[in-house]
PDB file of N, CA and C in Angstrom:
ATOM      1  N   MET A   1     -29.271 -12.253  58.541  1.00  0.00           N
ATOM      2  CA  MET A   1     -29.573 -11.029  57.900  1.00  0.00           C
ATOM      3  C   MET A   1     -30.802 -10.672  57.418  1.00  0.00           C
ATOM      4  N   ASN A   2     -31.473  -9.534  57.898  1.00  0.00           N
ATOM      5  CA  ASN A   2     -32.777  -9.273  57.164  1.00  0.00           C
ATOM      6  C   ASN A   2     -32.836  -8.527  56.045  1.00  0.00           C
ATOM      7  N   SER A   3     -33.656  -8.424  55.263  1.00  0.00           N
ATOM      8  CA  SER A   3     -33.650  -7.752  53.830  1.00  0.00           C
ATOM      9  C   SER A   3     -33.179  -6.384  53.979  1.00  0.00           C
ATOM     10  N   ASP A   4     -33.299  -5.536  55.040  1.00  0.00           N
ATOM     11  CA  ASP A   4     -33.162  -4.251  54.907  1.00  0.00           C
ATOM     12  C   ASP A   4     -31.256  -4.118  55.029  1.00  0.00           C
ATOM     13  N   GLN A   5     -31.015  -5.057  55.992  1.00  0.00           N
ATOM     14  CA  GLN A   5     -29.431  -5.207  56.024  1.00  0.00           C
ATOM     15  C   GLN A   5     -28.778  -5.847  54.652  1.00  0.00           C
ATOM     16  N   ALA A   6     -29.500  -6.653  54.052  1.00  0.00           N
ATOM     17  CA  ALA A   6     -29.039  -7.102  53.032  1.00  0.00           C
ATOM     18  C   ALA A   6     -28.900  -6.097  51.922  1.00  0.00           C
ATOM     19  N   ASP A   7     -30.031  -5.228  51.678  1.00  0.00           N
ATOM     20  CA  ASP A   7     -29.956  -4.185  50.909  1.00  0.00           C
ATOM     21  C   ASP A   7     -29.019  -3.251  51.194  1.00  0.00           C
ATOM     22  N   ILE A   8     -28.770  -2.743  52.369  1.00  0.00           N
ATOM     23  CA  ILE A   8     -27.528  -1.960  52.711  1.00  0.00           C
ATOM     24  C   ILE A   8     -26.280  -2.575  52.292  1.00  0.00           C
ATOM     25  N   GLN A   9     -25.977  -3.910  52.628  1.00  0.00           N
ATOM     26  CA  GLN A   9     -24.743  -4.482  52.080  1.00  0.00           C
ATOM     27  C   GLN A   9     -24.559  -4.501  50.706  1.00  0.00           C
ATOM     28  N   ARG A  10     -25.679  -4.755  49.904  1.00  0.00           N
ATOM     29  CA  ARG A  10     -25.566  -4.402  48.290  1.00  0.00           C
ATOM     30  C   ARG A  10     -25.376  -3.228  48.016  1.00  0.00           C
ATOM     31  N   ILE A  11     -25.672  -2.041  48.594  1.00  0.00           N
ATOM     32  CA  ILE A  11     -25.628  -0.823  48.079  1.00  0.00           C
ATOM     33  C   ILE A  11     -24.132  -0.493  48.355  1.00  0.00           C
ATOM     34  N   ARG A  12     -23.714  -0.958  49.901  1.00  0.00           N
ATOM     35  CA  ARG A  12     -22.228  -0.733  50.076  1.00  0.00           C
ATOM     36  C   ARG A  12     -21.302  -1.350  49.205  1.00  0.00           C
ATOM     37  N   ASP A  13     -21.537  -2.664  48.561  1.00  0.00           N
ATOM     38  CA  ASP A  13     -20.823  -3.486  47.737  1.00  0.00           C
ATOM     39  C   ASP A  13     -20.774  -2.594  46.404  1.00  0.00           C
ATOM     40  N   GLU A  14     -21.880  -2.075  45.952  1.00  0.00           N
ATOM     41  CA  GLU A  14     -21.878  -1.293  44.785  1.00  0.00           C
ATOM     42  C   GLU A  14     -21.218  -0.121  44.702  1.00  0.00           C
ATOM     43  N   ILE A  15     -20.856   0.637  45.883  1.00  0.00           N
ATOM     44  CA  ILE A  15     -20.354   1.808  46.088  1.00  0.00           C
ATOM     45  C   ILE A  15     -18.875   1.556  45.833  1.00  0.00           C
ATOM     46  N   ARG A  16     -18.427   0.526  46.575  1.00  0.00           N
ATOM     47  CA  ARG A  16     -16.999   0.073  46.653  1.00  0.00           C
ATOM     48  C   ARG A  16     -16.611  -0.433  45.143  1.00  0.00           C
ATOM     49  N   ALA A  17     -17.195  -0.998  44.503  1.00  0.00           N
ATOM     50  CA  ALA A  17     -17.244  -1.330  43.152  1.00  0.00           C
ATOM     51  C   ALA A  17     -16.992  -0.235  42.138  1.00  0.00           C
ATOM     52  N   SER A  18     -18.046   0.690  42.199  1.00  0.00           N
ATOM     53  CA  SER A  18     -17.956   1.898  41.434  1.00  0.00           C
ATOM     54  C   SER A  18     -16.659   2.783  41.843  1.00  0.00           C
ATOM     55  N   ARG A  19     -15.970   2.694  42.906  1.00  0.00           N
ATOM     56  CA  ARG A  19     -14.627   3.347  43.128  1.00  0.00           C
ATOM     57  C   ARG A  19     -13.553   2.750  42.329  1.00  0.00           C
ATOM     58  N   ARG A  20     -13.514   1.526  41.991  1.00  0.00           N
ATOM     59  CA  ARG A  20     -12.836   0.831  41.035  1.00  0.00           C
ATOM     60  C   ARG A  20     -13.018   1.036  39.396  1.00  0.00           C
ATOM     61  N   MET A  21     -13.966   1.739  39.143  1.00  0.00           N
ATOM     62  CA  MET A  21     -14.517   1.677  37.908  1.00  0.00           C
ATOM     63  C   MET A  21     -13.482   3.036  37.199  1.00  0.00           C
ATOM     64  N   SER A  22     -13.425   2.721  36.009  1.00  0.00           N
ATOM     65  CA  SER A  22     -12.647   3.921  35.306  1.00  0.00           C
ATOM     66  C   SER A  22     -13.576   5.202  34.923  1.00  0.00           C
ATOM     67  N   ASP A  23     -13.264   6.504  34.748  1.00  0.00           N
ATOM     68  CA  ASP A  23     -14.292   7.374  34.433  1.00  0.00           C
ATOM     69  C   ASP A  23     -15.220   7.021  33.233  1.00  0.00           C
ATOM     70  N   LEU A  24     -14.677   6.342  32.305  1.00  0.00           N
ATOM     71  CA  LEU A  24     -15.673   5.980  31.357  1.00  0.00           C
ATOM     72  C   LEU A  24     -16.588   4.877  31.472  1.00  0.00           C
ATOM     73  N   ASP A  25     -16.053   3.993  32.401  1.00  0.00           N
ATOM     74  CA  ASP A  25     -17.141   2.859  32.795  1.00  0.00           C
ATOM     75  C   ASP A  25     -18.365   3.604  33.622  1.00  0.00           C
ATOM     76  N   ARG A  26     -17.848   4.245  34.617  1.00  0.00           N
ATOM     77  CA  ARG A  26     -18.778   5.023  35.460  1.00  0.00           C
ATOM     78  C   ARG A  26     -19.575   5.639  34.547  1.00  0.00           C
ATOM     79  N   LEU A  27     -19.234   6.493  33.503  1.00  0.00           N
ATOM     80  CA  LEU A  27     -20.399   7.367  32.749  1.00  0.00           C
ATOM     81  C   LEU A  27     -21.373   6.399  31.951  1.00  0.00           C
ATOM     82  N   GLN A  28     -20.671   5.396  31.528  1.00  0.00           N
ATOM     83  CA  GLN A  28     -21.156   4.315  30.771  1.00  0.00           C
ATOM     84  C   GLN A  28     -22.630   3.893  31.722  1.00  0.00           C
ATOM     85  N   TRP A  29     -22.058   3.358  32.768  1.00  0.00           N
ATOM     86  CA  TRP A  29     -23.129   2.810  34.000  1.00  0.00           C
ATOM     87  C   TRP A  29     -24.018   3.992  34.419  1.00  0.00           C
ATOM     88  N   LEU A  30     -23.665   5.090  34.545  1.00  0.00           N
ATOM     89  CA  LEU A  30     -24.665   6.326  34.677  1.00  0.00           C
ATOM     90  C   LEU A  30     -25.786   6.373  33.604  1.00  0.00           C
ATOM     91  N   GLU A  31     -25.104   6.353  32.319  1.00  0.00           N
ATOM     92  CA  GLU A  31     -26.015   6.534  31.157  1.00  0.00           C
ATOM     93  C   GLU A  31     -27.140   5.213  31.204  1.00  0.00           C
ATOM     94  N   GLU A  32     -26.650   3.939  31.513  1.00  0.00           N
ATOM     95  CA  GLU A  32     -27.335   2.960  31.402  1.00  0.00           C
ATOM     96  C   GLU A  32     -28.660   3.069  32.584  1.00  0.00           C
ATOM     97  N   ILE A  33     -28.210   3.635  33.813  1.00  0.00           N
ATOM     98  CA  ILE A  33     -29.093   3.918  34.696  1.00  0.00           C
ATOM     99  C   ILE A  33     -30.162   4.974  34.190  1.00  0.00           C
ATOM    100  N   CYS A  34     -29.795   6.185  33.477  1.00  0.00           N
ATOM    101  CA  CYS A  34     -30.584   7.041  33.094  1.00  0.00           C
ATOM    102  C   CYS A  34     -31.704   6.306  31.827  1.00  0.00           C
ATOM    103  N   VAL A  35     -31.264   5.699  31.264  1.00  0.00           N
ATOM    104  CA  VAL A  35     -32.035   5.095  30.267  1.00  0.00           C
ATOM    105  C   VAL A  35     -32.940   4.219  30.787  1.00  0.00           C
ATOM    106  N   PHE A  36     -32.620   3.415  31.866  1.00  0.00           N
ATOM    107  CA  PHE A  36     -33.616   2.483  32.426  1.00  0.00           C
ATOM    108  C   PHE A  36     -34.678   3.581  33.404  1.00  0.00           C
ATOM    109  N   THR A  37     -34.222   4.395  33.991  1.00  0.00           N
ATOM    110  CA  THR A  37     -35.220   5.472  34.645  1.00  0.00           C
ATOM    111  C   THR A  37     -36.167   6.099  33.571  1.00  0.00           C
ATOM    112  N   ASN A  38     -35.644   6.538  32.419  1.00  0.00           N
ATOM    113  CA  ASN A  38     -36.544   7.095  31.568  1.00  0.00           C
ATOM    114  C   ASN A  38     -37.725   6.271  31.080  1.00  0.00           C
ATOM    115  N   MET A  39     -37.124   4.809  30.825  1.00  0.00           N
ATOM    116  CA  MET A  39     -37.968   3.944  30.424  1.00  0.00           C
ATOM    117  C   MET A  39     -39.099   3.686  31.413  1.00  0.00           C
ATOM    118  N   PHE A  40     -38.726   3.665  32.779  1.00  0.00           N
ATOM    119  CA  PHE A  40     -39.683   3.355  33.644  1.00  0.00           C
ATOM    120  C   PHE A  40     -40.740   4.717  33.775  1.00  0.00           C
ATOM    121  N   ARG A  41     -40.278   5.863  33.635  1.00  0.00           N
ATOM    122  CA  ARG A  41     -41.365   7.114  33.677  1.00  0.00           C
ATOM    123  C   ARG A  41     -42.099   7.099  32.579  1.00  0.00           C
ATOM    124  N   GLN A  42     -41.913   6.587  31.389  1.00  0.00           N
ATOM    125  CA  GLN A  42     -42.722   6.483  30.307  1.00  0.00           C
ATOM    126  C   GLN A  42     -43.605   5.347  30.241  1.00  0.00           C
ATOM    127  N   ALA A  43     -43.298   4.320  30.929  1.00  0.00           N
ATOM    128  CA  ALA A  43     -44.113   3.237  31.033  1.00  0.00           C
ATOM    129  C   ALA A  43     -45.774   3.613  31.222  1.00  0.00           C
ATOM    130  N   PRO A  44     -46.835   2.974  30.694  1.00  0.00           N
ATOM    131  CA  PRO A  44     -48.025   3.289  31.170  1.00  0.00           C
ATOM    132  C   PRO A  44     -48.489   2.745  32.525  1.00  0.00           C
ATOM    133  N   GLU A  45     -49.054   3.427  33.192  1.00  0.00           N
ATOM    134  CA  GLU A  45     -49.452   2.969  34.429  1.00  0.00           C
ATOM    135  C   GLU A  45     -50.360   1.903  34.519  1.00  0.00           C
ATOM    136  N   VAL A  46     -50.231   0.962  35.333  1.00  0.00           N
ATOM    137  CA  VAL A  46     -51.231  -0.235  35.173  1.00  0.00           C
ATOM    138  C   VAL A  46     -52.051  -0.086  36.345  1.00  0.00           C
ATOM    139  N   ALA A  47     -53.354  -0.159  36.156  1.00  0.00           N
ATOM    140  CA  ALA A  47     -54.723   0.080  36.923  1.00  0.00           C
ATOM    141  C   ALA A  47     -54.930  -1.492  37.456  1.00  0.00           C
ATOM    142  N   ARG A  48     -55.148  -1.581  38.704  1.00  0.00           N
ATOM    143  CA  ARG A  48     -55.559  -2.868  39.418  1.00  0.00           C
ATOM    144  C   ARG A  48     -56.893  -2.671  40.013  1.00  0.00           C
ATOM    145  N   SER A  49     -57.619  -3.761  39.604  1.00  0.00           N
ATOM    146  CA  SER A  49     -59.222  -3.728  40.047  1.00  0.00           C
ATOM    147  C   SER A  49     -59.214  -4.057  41.542  1.00  0.00           C
ATOM    148  N   GLU A  50     -58.197  -4.720  42.005  1.00  0.00           N
ATOM    149  CA  GLU A  50     -58.414  -4.964  43.463  1.00  0.00           C
ATOM    150  C   GLU A  50     -56.716  -5.032  44.081  1.00  0.00           C
ATOM    151  N   PRO A  51     -56.534  -4.784  45.376  1.00  0.00           N
ATOM    152  CA  PRO A  51     -55.184  -4.630  45.627  1.00  0.00           C
ATOM    153  C   PRO A  51     -54.386  -5.896  45.748  1.00  0.00           C
ATOM    154  N   ALA A  52     -53.343  -6.054  45.347  1.00  0.00           N
ATOM    155  CA  ALA A  52     -52.391  -7.319  45.402  1.00  0.00           C
ATOM    156  C   ALA A  52     -52.197  -7.866  46.702  1.00  0.00           C
ATOM    157  N   THR A  53     -52.389  -9.163  46.884  1.00  0.00           N
ATOM    158  CA  THR A  53     -52.254  -9.764  48.161  1.00  0.00           C
ATOM    159  C   THR A  53     -50.971 -10.663  48.340  1.00  0.00           C
ATOM    160  N   VAL A  54     -50.577 -10.474  49.692  1.00  0.00           N
ATOM    161  CA  VAL A  54     -49.115 -11.230  49.704  1.00  0.00           C
ATOM    162  C   VAL A  54     -49.239 -12.331  50.888  1.00  0.00           C
ATOM    163  N   ALA A  55     -48.856 -13.408  50.812  1.00  0.00           N
ATOM    164  CA  ALA A  55     -48.971 -14.202  51.954  1.00  0.00           C
ATOM    165  C   ALA A  55     -48.177 -13.543  53.023  1.00  0.00           C
ATOM    166  N   PRO A  56     -48.912 -13.974  54.364  1.00  0.00           N
ATOM    167  CA  PRO A  56     -48.156 -13.454  55.613  1.00  0.00           C
ATOM    168  C   PRO A  56     -46.702 -13.581  55.861  1.00  0.00           C
ATOM    169  N   GLY A  57     -45.866 -12.861  56.261  1.00  0.00           N
ATOM    170  CA  GLY A  57     -44.517 -13.091  56.351  1.00  0.00           C
ATOM    171  C   GLY A  57     -43.734 -12.948  55.194  1.00  0.00           C
ATOM    172  N   ARG A  58     -44.318 -12.420  53.887  1.00  0.00           N
ATOM    173  CA  ARG A  58     -43.652 -12.198  52.779  1.00  0.00           C
ATOM    174  C   ARG A  58     -43.797 -10.778  52.420  1.00  0.00           C
ATOM    175  N   SER A  59     -42.608 -10.309  51.515  1.00  0.00           N
ATOM    176  CA  SER A  59     -42.869  -9.012  51.134  1.00  0.00           C
ATOM    177  C   SER A  59     -43.107  -9.065  49.488  1.00  0.00           C
ATOM    178  N   THR A  60     -43.519  -8.099  48.995  1.00  0.00           N
ATOM    179  CA  THR A  60     -44.074  -8.198  47.591  1.00  0.00           C
ATOM    180  C   THR A  60     -42.673  -8.252  46.571  1.00  0.00           C
ATOM    181  N   THR A  61     -41.596  -8.210  47.325  1.00  0.00           N
ATOM    182  CA  THR A  61     -40.169  -8.381  46.730  1.00  0.00           C
ATOM    183  C   THR A  61     -39.584  -9.660  46.673  1.00  0.00           C
ATOM    184  N   ASP A  62     -40.345 -10.398  47.543  1.00  0.00           N
ATOM    185  CA  ASP A  62     -39.641 -11.999  47.782  1.00  0.00           C
ATOM    186  C   ASP A  62     -39.980 -12.781  46.546  1.00  0.00           C
ATOM    187  N   SER A  63     -39.035 -13.698  46.324  1.00  0.00           N
ATOM    188  CA  SER A  63     -39.214 -14.295  44.940  1.00  0.00           C
ATOM    189  C   SER A  63     -40.099 -15.628  45.385  1.00  0.00           C
ATOM    190  N   ALA A  64     -40.375 -16.237  44.728  1.00  0.00           N
ATOM    191  CA  ALA A  64     -41.366 -17.458  44.819  1.00  0.00           C
ATOM    192  C   ALA A  64     -40.666 -18.604  44.945  1.00  0.00           C
TER     193      ALA A  64
END
């Protein structure tokens, strides 16, 4: 299974799990996502002096 298929499967699993959540749990989950998104938006931009390099055959999201 490639990484795109794995991501699609993970998203499908999360959607299935969200269907089993109570309304309160779903609202709390949504609030946590909003808090995370706002933190990301307010974070300072990081300037790089040179582009990041990745080993051939790997993506920047692969763990070491």
